[in-house]
């Protein structure tokens, strides 16, 4: 690849570092380096080991993508596209999620380290393939497939604990419905990045607020809706309080609102229509995967978005069909 030294230096330094930071913000579908810094801080406070694993996974994904783009995919991506995608965190956020998942689900060992690196490389290959063939990253699908594959091949023993946080935040006993709901809501936001802590959840919400006030608002709405739906469905209270049924709902709502018009009227309509359906789907699919003894990860989020997109496309096609018949 013909590239001068200054461009190479910029790729491997400034753009790469900024891409790592933005990759963490992309976990919440945002594009903000400061938000990424706050997210990393939230992980560090919860567990430095998890933070190191997440940064390692992100860097491996970024490096793998950069090497593949410069070698195999240079005919499809020019230098400008490569720099933009590297900086925007498209390649790194799945790798960061891989690091968080591996450090949470497997005990610290050389096997876990190798699994992290291999899974991060596979996510980069998956993202590059989707971008080159379909011009789509498919959200967190590469992360889900790699962790599920690792789980099938190297399922951790049920008696072995996950990596214990060096700095442990014990969830205090709270009095009152409002205080309990607030703690559950913050824990749910933290669960998006495998952080079972209301303190870390509060930091994630602060970072999300910096990137997008709309995303922060709808995240809170999604958490409250998902908690109410889970409680009315009679799901286990302990899992509801820990945010297991809410974190996918947060991602679904943020994704749906990022695709919509930013006007208040359209936002309200989506909250009471598609967003409500998305939250219900996320809770239902999470419980369904649990009953099938499958670790949900972010699969309910991806499946909910795909299903809503499919139903929306079918609805638009039906409207066009009816409109054409009416004209005849």
Foldseek 3Di string as FASTA:
>chain_A
DDDDPVLVVCQVPVLQVLLLQLLQVCLLPFQDSVLSVLLLVLVVLFAVQLSVLLSVQLSLQLVLLLVCCVPPVVVQDPSVRNSVCSNRNLRRNLRSLLSLVLQQQDADDPVSVVLSNVLSNQLSVQQVVCCRPPVDSLRNVSSQVSVLVCCVVPPHDPVDGHNHGPNHDDDDDDDDPVVLLLQLLLLLQVVSSPRQGSVSSVSSLVSVCVRPVLLSVVLSVQLVLQLVVCVVVVHDPVCSSNNLLRNLLSSLRSVVVVPDDPDPVGNVVCVPPVSSQLSVQSNVVSVVCVVVVHHCNNVSNSVSVVVSVVVVVVVVVVVVVVVVVVVD
